[in-house]
Amino acid sequence: MKLTQLTNLMLTGTVALGAIVGTSQPSQARPEHGFYCDTSRNNPVTVYVNHEGTTEPWIRWTSNYFKNSGYDPLTRCQDVSHRLEDYRRNEELKFITTGKMNGQNVICTAIQTDGECDRLILTLKPKENPERALDNLFSWHSGHTVSEEGRNRRPYIDVAERLGIRKE
């Protein structure tokens, strides 16, 4: 009987220790190539590691606007970084633009210029100007081509070449 109790106690201790160790590790480690959430500074940053291994900050997360909905800056950074990495791996991240999804202003992906929003990147504050937000958000694109296409004259940032994604 005592051996069973000792075994149960050791098993419980091992499970508890595993839970503590598991939760103390970073949620997104720096990949060799791709997107991740960098938490090494005061504010989390969505970072892209290019083919040369150089890190490029893409989105700095400073707003607490969505905190009451469960999306503090760290959570948004992790979610959006994961989303961008999935889109990159699936070659679905060709253009970044603005649009509406579920009645809300968003920054999203598009397959082509003048294309509709295909996949959500992030939701904007209700009265936030989408074009200004897109311009401010992606600080790295300064000096890069931003096309304004179509009837809505929405901006489209071409990211395919930068990420090594084929355009059809």
N, C-alpha and C. Protein backbone atom coordinates (compact mmCIF):
# COMPACT_ATOMS: atom_id res chain seq x y z
N MET A 1 0.82 -1.20 0.00
CA MET A 1 0.00 0.00 0.00
C MET A 1 0.86 1.26 0.00
N LYS A 2 1.93 1.27 0.80
CA LYS A 2 2.79 2.43 0.88
C LYS A 2 3.53 2.64 -0.45
N LEU A 3 3.88 1.57 -1.14
CA LEU A 3 4.56 1.69 -2.43
C LEU A 3 3.65 2.37 -3.45
N THR A 4 2.36 2.04 -3.44
CA THR A 4 1.39 2.66 -4.35
C THR A 4 1.25 4.15 -4.04
N GLN A 5 1.18 4.50 -2.76
CA GLN A 5 1.07 5.91 -2.38
C GLN A 5 2.32 6.68 -2.79
N LEU A 6 3.48 6.07 -2.59
CA LEU A 6 4.74 6.71 -2.98
C LEU A 6 4.80 6.89 -4.49
N THR A 7 4.38 5.89 -5.23
CA THR A 7 4.36 5.97 -6.69
C THR A 7 3.41 7.08 -7.15
N ASN A 8 2.22 7.16 -6.55
CA ASN A 8 1.26 8.20 -6.90
C ASN A 8 1.81 9.59 -6.58
N LEU A 9 2.48 9.71 -5.42
CA LEU A 9 3.06 10.99 -5.02
C LEU A 9 4.16 11.40 -6.01
N MET A 10 5.00 10.46 -6.40
CA MET A 10 6.07 10.77 -7.36
C MET A 10 5.47 11.15 -8.72
N LEU A 11 4.45 10.44 -9.15
CA LEU A 11 3.80 10.74 -10.43
C LEU A 11 3.16 12.11 -10.40
N THR A 12 2.48 12.45 -9.31
CA THR A 12 1.86 13.76 -9.16
C THR A 12 2.92 14.86 -9.18
N GLY A 13 4.02 14.63 -8.46
CA GLY A 13 5.12 15.61 -8.45
C GLY A 13 5.73 15.80 -9.82
N THR A 14 5.89 14.72 -10.56
CA THR A 14 6.45 14.79 -11.91
C THR A 14 5.53 15.57 -12.84
N VAL A 15 4.23 15.31 -12.76
CA VAL A 15 3.25 16.03 -13.60
C VAL A 15 3.26 17.51 -13.25
N ALA A 16 3.28 17.84 -11.95
CA ALA A 16 3.29 19.24 -11.52
C ALA A 16 4.56 19.93 -11.99
N LEU A 17 5.70 19.28 -11.86
CA LEU A 17 6.97 19.86 -12.30
C LEU A 17 6.95 20.06 -13.81
N GLY A 18 6.41 19.10 -14.55
CA GLY A 18 6.30 19.23 -16.00
C GLY A 18 5.44 20.41 -16.40
N ALA A 19 4.35 20.64 -15.65
CA ALA A 19 3.47 21.78 -15.95
C ALA A 19 4.19 23.08 -15.69
N ILE A 20 4.96 23.15 -14.59
CA ILE A 20 5.70 24.38 -14.28
C ILE A 20 6.76 24.64 -15.34
N VAL A 21 7.53 23.63 -15.69
CA VAL A 21 8.58 23.79 -16.71
C VAL A 21 7.96 24.14 -18.05
N GLY A 22 6.85 23.48 -18.41
CA GLY A 22 6.19 23.73 -19.69
C GLY A 22 5.67 25.15 -19.81
N THR A 23 5.17 25.73 -18.72
CA THR A 23 4.62 27.07 -18.81
C THR A 23 5.69 28.15 -18.72
N SER A 24 6.88 27.82 -18.26
CA SER A 24 7.91 28.85 -18.13
C SER A 24 8.69 29.07 -19.42
N GLN A 25 8.49 28.24 -20.41
CA GLN A 25 9.20 28.39 -21.67
C GLN A 25 8.50 29.40 -22.55
N PRO A 26 9.25 30.12 -23.41
CA PRO A 26 8.61 31.11 -24.28
C PRO A 26 7.62 30.45 -25.23
N SER A 27 6.55 31.21 -25.55
CA SER A 27 5.51 30.63 -26.39
C SER A 27 5.94 30.53 -27.86
N GLN A 28 6.79 31.43 -28.28
CA GLN A 28 7.26 31.37 -29.66
C GLN A 28 8.76 31.63 -29.68
N ALA A 29 9.53 30.59 -29.94
CA ALA A 29 10.97 30.74 -30.02
C ALA A 29 11.35 31.32 -31.37
N ARG A 30 12.53 31.93 -31.43
CA ARG A 30 13.00 32.53 -32.68
C ARG A 30 13.28 31.42 -33.69
N PRO A 31 12.57 31.44 -34.82
CA PRO A 31 12.80 30.42 -35.84
C PRO A 31 14.04 30.76 -36.68
N GLU A 32 14.50 29.78 -37.41
CA GLU A 32 15.61 30.01 -38.33
C GLU A 32 15.18 30.96 -39.45
N HIS A 33 13.91 30.86 -39.82
CA HIS A 33 13.34 31.67 -40.90
C HIS A 33 11.83 31.74 -40.67
N GLY A 34 11.25 32.93 -40.73
CA GLY A 34 9.81 33.07 -40.58
C GLY A 34 9.43 34.09 -39.53
N PHE A 35 8.14 34.09 -39.15
CA PHE A 35 7.58 35.05 -38.20
C PHE A 35 7.55 34.47 -36.79
N TYR A 36 7.74 35.35 -35.83
CA TYR A 36 7.56 34.98 -34.43
C TYR A 36 7.30 36.25 -33.61
N CYS A 37 6.85 36.08 -32.38
CA CYS A 37 6.60 37.20 -31.47
C CYS A 37 7.81 37.36 -30.56
N ASP A 38 8.50 38.47 -30.69
CA ASP A 38 9.67 38.77 -29.87
C ASP A 38 9.22 39.50 -28.61
N THR A 39 9.50 38.91 -27.47
CA THR A 39 9.10 39.50 -26.19
C THR A 39 10.31 39.98 -25.39
N SER A 40 11.43 40.18 -26.04
CA SER A 40 12.65 40.55 -25.32
C SER A 40 12.70 42.03 -24.94
N ARG A 41 11.78 42.82 -25.43
CA ARG A 41 11.75 44.25 -25.10
C ARG A 41 10.49 44.58 -24.30
N ASN A 42 10.30 45.86 -23.99
CA ASN A 42 9.12 46.26 -23.20
C ASN A 42 7.81 45.91 -23.88
N ASN A 43 7.71 46.16 -25.18
CA ASN A 43 6.50 45.84 -25.93
C ASN A 43 6.79 44.69 -26.89
N PRO A 44 5.87 43.74 -27.01
CA PRO A 44 6.08 42.64 -27.95
C PRO A 44 6.11 43.16 -29.39
N VAL A 45 6.86 42.46 -30.23
CA VAL A 45 7.02 42.84 -31.63
C VAL A 45 6.88 41.60 -32.51
N THR A 46 6.05 41.69 -33.54
CA THR A 46 6.01 40.64 -34.55
C THR A 46 7.23 40.86 -35.43
N VAL A 47 8.06 39.81 -35.52
CA VAL A 47 9.34 39.90 -36.21
C VAL A 47 9.37 38.86 -37.33
N TYR A 48 10.02 39.23 -38.42
CA TYR A 48 10.26 38.29 -39.52
C TYR A 48 11.76 38.04 -39.61
N VAL A 49 12.15 36.78 -39.65
CA VAL A 49 13.55 36.41 -39.84
C VAL A 49 13.69 36.02 -41.30
N ASN A 50 14.47 36.81 -42.07
CA ASN A 50 14.60 36.56 -43.50
C ASN A 50 15.57 35.40 -43.78
N HIS A 51 15.75 35.08 -45.06
CA HIS A 51 16.59 33.94 -45.46
C HIS A 51 18.03 34.09 -45.03
N GLU A 52 18.50 35.31 -44.83
CA GLU A 52 19.88 35.54 -44.39
C GLU A 52 20.00 35.46 -42.86
N GLY A 53 18.87 35.30 -42.17
CA GLY A 53 18.88 35.23 -40.71
C GLY A 53 18.76 36.58 -40.03
N THR A 54 18.53 37.64 -40.82
CA THR A 54 18.37 38.97 -40.27
C THR A 54 16.94 39.15 -39.78
N THR A 55 16.76 39.74 -38.59
CA THR A 55 15.42 39.97 -38.08
C THR A 55 14.92 41.33 -38.54
N GLU A 56 13.65 41.36 -38.94
CA GLU A 56 13.00 42.58 -39.39
C GLU A 56 11.75 42.79 -38.54
N PRO A 57 11.69 43.87 -37.73
CA PRO A 57 10.46 44.12 -36.98
C PRO A 57 9.34 44.51 -37.93
N TRP A 58 8.19 43.87 -37.80
CA TRP A 58 7.06 44.18 -38.67
C TRP A 58 5.99 44.95 -37.94
N ILE A 59 5.58 44.49 -36.76
CA ILE A 59 4.49 45.15 -36.04
C ILE A 59 4.90 45.31 -34.57
N ARG A 60 4.87 46.54 -34.09
CA ARG A 60 5.12 46.81 -32.67
C ARG A 60 3.77 46.90 -31.96
N TRP A 61 3.59 46.10 -30.92
CA TRP A 61 2.32 45.99 -30.23
C TRP A 61 2.32 46.86 -28.98
N THR A 62 1.66 48.01 -29.04
CA THR A 62 1.65 48.94 -27.91
C THR A 62 0.25 49.24 -27.40
N SER A 63 -0.77 49.05 -28.19
CA SER A 63 -2.14 49.43 -27.81
C SER A 63 -2.78 48.37 -26.91
N ASN A 64 -3.44 48.86 -25.86
CA ASN A 64 -4.20 47.99 -24.97
C ASN A 64 -5.70 48.05 -25.28
N TYR A 65 -6.06 48.59 -26.45
CA TYR A 65 -7.47 48.80 -26.80
C TYR A 65 -8.30 47.52 -26.69
N PHE A 66 -7.76 46.39 -27.13
CA PHE A 66 -8.52 45.13 -27.17
C PHE A 66 -8.33 44.29 -25.91
N LYS A 67 -7.67 44.83 -24.88
CA LYS A 67 -7.36 44.09 -23.66
C LYS A 67 -8.61 43.53 -22.98
N ASN A 68 -9.68 44.33 -22.90
CA ASN A 68 -10.90 43.87 -22.24
C ASN A 68 -11.58 42.73 -22.99
N SER A 69 -11.21 42.52 -24.25
CA SER A 69 -11.74 41.41 -25.03
C SER A 69 -10.83 40.19 -24.95
N GLY A 70 -9.78 40.28 -24.12
CA GLY A 70 -8.86 39.17 -23.97
C GLY A 70 -7.67 39.22 -24.91
N TYR A 71 -7.47 40.37 -25.58
CA TYR A 71 -6.38 40.48 -26.55
C TYR A 71 -5.45 41.61 -26.16
N ASP A 72 -4.63 41.36 -25.14
CA ASP A 72 -3.62 42.34 -24.76
C ASP A 72 -2.52 42.32 -25.82
N PRO A 73 -1.56 43.25 -25.76
CA PRO A 73 -0.53 43.29 -26.79
C PRO A 73 0.22 41.97 -26.99
N LEU A 74 0.54 41.26 -25.91
CA LEU A 74 1.26 39.99 -26.03
C LEU A 74 0.41 38.95 -26.77
N THR A 75 -0.85 38.84 -26.40
CA THR A 75 -1.74 37.87 -27.05
C THR A 75 -1.90 38.20 -28.53
N ARG A 76 -2.09 39.47 -28.85
CA ARG A 76 -2.23 39.87 -30.27
C ARG A 76 -0.94 39.57 -31.03
N CYS A 77 0.20 39.87 -30.41
CA CYS A 77 1.49 39.59 -31.05
C CYS A 77 1.62 38.11 -31.36
N GLN A 78 1.33 37.27 -30.39
CA GLN A 78 1.45 35.82 -30.60
C GLN A 78 0.47 35.33 -31.66
N ASP A 79 -0.77 35.78 -31.59
CA ASP A 79 -1.79 35.34 -32.56
C ASP A 79 -1.44 35.79 -33.98
N VAL A 80 -1.11 37.07 -34.14
CA VAL A 80 -0.83 37.60 -35.47
C VAL A 80 0.46 37.02 -36.03
N SER A 81 1.48 36.86 -35.20
CA SER A 81 2.74 36.27 -35.66
C SER A 81 2.51 34.85 -36.15
N HIS A 82 1.72 34.09 -35.40
CA HIS A 82 1.40 32.72 -35.79
C HIS A 82 0.61 32.71 -37.11
N ARG A 83 -0.36 33.62 -37.22
CA ARG A 83 -1.17 33.73 -38.44
C ARG A 83 -0.28 34.05 -39.65
N LEU A 84 0.58 35.06 -39.49
CA LEU A 84 1.46 35.45 -40.60
C LEU A 84 2.37 34.29 -41.01
N GLU A 85 2.88 33.56 -40.04
CA GLU A 85 3.75 32.43 -40.35
C GLU A 85 2.98 31.34 -41.09
N ASP A 86 1.76 31.06 -40.68
CA ASP A 86 0.93 30.08 -41.40
C ASP A 86 0.70 30.54 -42.84
N TYR A 87 0.35 31.80 -43.02
CA TYR A 87 0.11 32.33 -44.36
C TYR A 87 1.38 32.25 -45.21
N ARG A 88 2.51 32.58 -44.61
CA ARG A 88 3.79 32.53 -45.34
C ARG A 88 4.10 31.10 -45.78
N ARG A 89 3.98 30.16 -44.86
CA ARG A 89 4.28 28.76 -45.17
C ARG A 89 3.37 28.21 -46.26
N ASN A 90 2.12 28.65 -46.25
CA ASN A 90 1.15 28.18 -47.25
C ASN A 90 1.15 29.03 -48.51
N GLU A 91 2.11 29.96 -48.61
CA GLU A 91 2.25 30.88 -49.75
C GLU A 91 0.96 31.66 -50.00
N GLU A 92 0.31 32.10 -48.93
CA GLU A 92 -0.92 32.88 -49.02
C GLU A 92 -0.69 34.34 -48.66
N LEU A 93 0.54 34.71 -48.43
CA LEU A 93 0.88 36.07 -48.02
C LEU A 93 1.60 36.77 -49.16
N LYS A 94 0.82 37.28 -50.10
CA LYS A 94 1.39 37.92 -51.29
C LYS A 94 1.26 39.43 -51.23
N PHE A 95 0.08 39.91 -50.88
CA PHE A 95 -0.16 41.34 -50.72
C PHE A 95 -0.84 41.57 -49.38
N ILE A 96 -0.55 42.71 -48.78
CA ILE A 96 -1.22 43.12 -47.56
C ILE A 96 -2.01 44.37 -47.89
N THR A 97 -3.27 44.39 -47.46
CA THR A 97 -4.15 45.50 -47.78
C THR A 97 -5.11 45.75 -46.61
N THR A 98 -6.09 46.57 -46.86
CA THR A 98 -7.11 46.88 -45.86
C THR A 98 -8.47 46.42 -46.39
N GLY A 99 -9.40 46.26 -45.49
CA GLY A 99 -10.74 45.88 -45.90
C GLY A 99 -11.65 45.78 -44.70
N LYS A 100 -12.77 45.09 -44.91
CA LYS A 100 -13.74 44.88 -43.83
C LYS A 100 -14.04 43.39 -43.74
N MET A 101 -14.10 42.92 -42.50
CA MET A 101 -14.52 41.55 -42.22
C MET A 101 -15.45 41.63 -41.01
N ASN A 102 -16.57 40.98 -41.10
CA ASN A 102 -17.56 41.02 -40.01
C ASN A 102 -17.89 42.44 -39.59
N GLY A 103 -17.96 43.35 -40.56
CA GLY A 103 -18.32 44.74 -40.29
C GLY A 103 -17.23 45.57 -39.62
N GLN A 104 -16.03 45.02 -39.48
CA GLN A 104 -14.95 45.73 -38.82
C GLN A 104 -13.81 46.01 -39.81
N ASN A 105 -13.14 47.16 -39.62
CA ASN A 105 -11.97 47.46 -40.42
C ASN A 105 -10.83 46.53 -40.03
N VAL A 106 -10.15 46.00 -41.04
CA VAL A 106 -9.07 45.04 -40.80
C VAL A 106 -7.90 45.31 -41.73
N ILE A 107 -6.77 44.73 -41.36
CA ILE A 107 -5.64 44.59 -42.26
C ILE A 107 -5.62 43.11 -42.60
N CYS A 108 -5.48 42.83 -43.90
CA CYS A 108 -5.67 41.46 -44.36
C CYS A 108 -4.74 41.15 -45.52
N THR A 109 -4.80 39.91 -45.97
CA THR A 109 -4.03 39.49 -47.13
C THR A 109 -4.90 39.58 -48.38
N ALA A 110 -4.24 39.67 -49.51
CA ALA A 110 -4.92 39.61 -50.82
C ALA A 110 -4.01 38.81 -51.75
N ILE A 111 -4.60 38.09 -52.66
CA ILE A 111 -3.84 37.29 -53.61
C ILE A 111 -3.25 38.16 -54.72
N GLN A 112 -3.93 39.27 -55.03
CA GLN A 112 -3.48 40.15 -56.12
C GLN A 112 -3.88 41.58 -55.81
N THR A 113 -3.26 42.54 -56.50
CA THR A 113 -3.69 43.92 -56.33
C THR A 113 -5.12 44.01 -56.85
N ASP A 114 -5.91 44.84 -56.23
CA ASP A 114 -7.33 44.98 -56.50
C ASP A 114 -8.12 43.76 -56.05
N GLY A 115 -7.47 42.86 -55.28
CA GLY A 115 -8.16 41.69 -54.76
C GLY A 115 -8.86 42.00 -53.45
N GLU A 116 -9.81 41.16 -53.13
CA GLU A 116 -10.54 41.29 -51.87
C GLU A 116 -9.69 40.79 -50.72
N CYS A 117 -10.11 41.10 -49.51
CA CYS A 117 -9.47 40.54 -48.32
C CYS A 117 -9.67 39.03 -48.33
N ASP A 118 -8.56 38.30 -48.27
CA ASP A 118 -8.66 36.84 -48.24
C ASP A 118 -8.56 36.30 -46.82
N ARG A 119 -7.55 36.75 -46.09
CA ARG A 119 -7.30 36.24 -44.75
C ARG A 119 -7.00 37.39 -43.80
N LEU A 120 -7.56 37.28 -42.62
CA LEU A 120 -7.37 38.29 -41.59
C LEU A 120 -5.94 38.30 -41.07
N ILE A 121 -5.37 39.48 -40.97
CA ILE A 121 -4.11 39.64 -40.24
C ILE A 121 -4.44 40.20 -38.86
N LEU A 122 -5.14 41.36 -38.82
CA LEU A 122 -5.55 41.91 -37.54
C LEU A 122 -6.73 42.85 -37.69
N THR A 123 -7.47 42.99 -36.61
CA THR A 123 -8.62 43.88 -36.56
C THR A 123 -8.17 45.24 -36.04
N LEU A 124 -8.74 46.30 -36.61
CA LEU A 124 -8.39 47.67 -36.20
C LEU A 124 -9.43 48.21 -35.22
N LYS A 125 -9.07 49.28 -34.53
CA LYS A 125 -10.02 49.96 -33.65
C LYS A 125 -11.16 50.49 -34.52
N PRO A 126 -12.37 50.64 -33.98
CA PRO A 126 -13.53 51.03 -34.78
C PRO A 126 -13.36 52.28 -35.64
N LYS A 127 -12.79 53.34 -35.14
CA LYS A 127 -12.70 54.58 -35.93
C LYS A 127 -11.30 54.82 -36.50
N GLU A 128 -10.45 53.81 -36.45
CA GLU A 128 -9.08 53.94 -36.94
C GLU A 128 -9.07 53.97 -38.47
N ASN A 129 -8.30 54.88 -39.04
CA ASN A 129 -8.17 54.98 -40.49
C ASN A 129 -7.34 53.79 -40.99
N PRO A 130 -7.94 52.88 -41.77
CA PRO A 130 -7.23 51.66 -42.18
C PRO A 130 -5.95 51.93 -42.99
N GLU A 131 -6.00 52.89 -43.90
CA GLU A 131 -4.82 53.16 -44.72
C GLU A 131 -3.68 53.73 -43.89
N ARG A 132 -4.01 54.63 -42.98
CA ARG A 132 -2.99 55.20 -42.10
C ARG A 132 -2.43 54.12 -41.18
N ALA A 133 -3.31 53.25 -40.67
CA ALA A 133 -2.87 52.16 -39.80
C ALA A 133 -1.93 51.23 -40.55
N LEU A 134 -2.26 50.90 -41.79
CA LEU A 134 -1.41 50.03 -42.59
C LEU A 134 -0.05 50.67 -42.80
N ASP A 135 -0.04 51.95 -43.12
CA ASP A 135 1.21 52.66 -43.34
C ASP A 135 2.06 52.70 -42.07
N ASN A 136 1.43 52.96 -40.93
CA ASN A 136 2.16 53.05 -39.66
C ASN A 136 2.60 51.69 -39.15
N LEU A 137 1.79 50.69 -39.39
CA LEU A 137 2.03 49.37 -38.82
C LEU A 137 3.29 48.71 -39.37
N PHE A 138 3.43 48.75 -40.66
CA PHE A 138 4.54 48.05 -41.29
C PHE A 138 5.67 49.03 -41.58
N SER A 139 6.41 49.32 -40.53
CA SER A 139 7.46 50.33 -40.64
C SER A 139 8.54 49.95 -41.65
N TRP A 140 8.76 48.68 -41.87
CA TRP A 140 9.81 48.24 -42.78
C TRP A 140 9.50 48.60 -44.23
N HIS A 141 8.23 48.76 -44.59
CA HIS A 141 7.89 48.95 -46.01
C HIS A 141 8.17 50.37 -46.49
N SER A 142 8.59 51.23 -45.61
CA SER A 142 8.89 52.61 -46.00
C SER A 142 9.86 52.61 -47.18
N GLY A 143 9.48 53.26 -48.22
CA GLY A 143 10.33 53.31 -49.41
C GLY A 143 10.07 52.17 -50.38
N HIS A 144 9.22 51.22 -50.01
CA HIS A 144 8.89 50.11 -50.90
C HIS A 144 7.60 50.45 -51.65
N THR A 145 7.34 49.69 -52.68
CA THR A 145 6.18 49.96 -53.52
C THR A 145 4.87 49.67 -52.80
N VAL A 146 4.02 50.67 -52.80
CA VAL A 146 2.66 50.51 -52.31
C VAL A 146 1.77 50.88 -53.48
N SER A 147 1.05 49.90 -53.99
CA SER A 147 0.16 50.15 -55.12
C SER A 147 -1.20 50.57 -54.61
N GLU A 148 -1.81 51.51 -55.28
CA GLU A 148 -3.21 51.83 -55.00
C GLU A 148 -3.98 51.43 -56.24
N GLU A 149 -4.82 50.44 -56.06
CA GLU A 149 -5.49 49.85 -57.22
C GLU A 149 -7.00 49.87 -57.08
N GLY A 150 -7.64 49.71 -58.19
CA GLY A 150 -9.07 49.42 -58.22
C GLY A 150 -9.98 50.57 -57.87
N ARG A 151 -11.23 50.22 -57.79
CA ARG A 151 -12.27 51.21 -57.53
C ARG A 151 -12.10 51.88 -56.18
N ASN A 152 -11.70 51.13 -55.16
CA ASN A 152 -11.59 51.68 -53.82
C ASN A 152 -10.28 52.40 -53.55
N ARG A 153 -9.33 52.26 -54.46
CA ARG A 153 -8.01 52.88 -54.30
C ARG A 153 -7.38 52.47 -52.97
N ARG A 154 -7.57 51.21 -52.60
CA ARG A 154 -6.96 50.70 -51.38
C ARG A 154 -5.48 50.45 -51.62
N PRO A 155 -4.66 50.61 -50.59
CA PRO A 155 -3.24 50.33 -50.74
C PRO A 155 -2.99 48.82 -50.70
N TYR A 156 -2.01 48.38 -51.45
CA TYR A 156 -1.59 46.98 -51.47
C TYR A 156 -0.07 46.97 -51.32
N ILE A 157 0.42 46.33 -50.28
CA ILE A 157 1.86 46.20 -50.08
C ILE A 157 2.25 44.83 -50.59
N ASP A 158 3.14 44.81 -51.57
CA ASP A 158 3.61 43.56 -52.17
C ASP A 158 4.69 42.97 -51.26
N VAL A 159 4.40 41.83 -50.63
CA VAL A 159 5.37 41.20 -49.72
C VAL A 159 5.86 39.85 -50.25
N ALA A 160 5.35 39.40 -51.37
CA ALA A 160 5.68 38.07 -51.88
C ALA A 160 7.17 37.89 -52.11
N GLU A 161 7.78 38.81 -52.82
CA GLU A 161 9.21 38.67 -53.12
C GLU A 161 10.05 38.72 -51.86
N ARG A 162 9.69 39.62 -50.97
CA ARG A 162 10.42 39.77 -49.70
C ARG A 162 10.40 38.46 -48.90
N LEU A 163 9.29 37.71 -48.99
CA LEU A 163 9.13 36.48 -48.23
C LEU A 163 9.49 35.24 -49.05
N GLY A 164 9.87 35.41 -50.31
CA GLY A 164 10.21 34.28 -51.15
C GLY A 164 9.01 33.47 -51.58
N ILE A 165 7.87 34.16 -51.79
CA ILE A 165 6.63 33.49 -52.19
C ILE A 165 6.38 33.75 -53.67
N ARG A 166 6.01 32.69 -54.37
CA ARG A 166 5.74 32.80 -55.80
C ARG A 166 4.40 33.49 -56.03
N LYS A 167 4.38 34.38 -57.03
CA LYS A 167 3.12 34.98 -57.46
C LYS A 167 2.71 34.29 -58.75
N GLU A 168 1.42 34.04 -58.88
CA GLU A 168 0.95 33.35 -60.09
C GLU A 168 0.50 34.31 -61.13
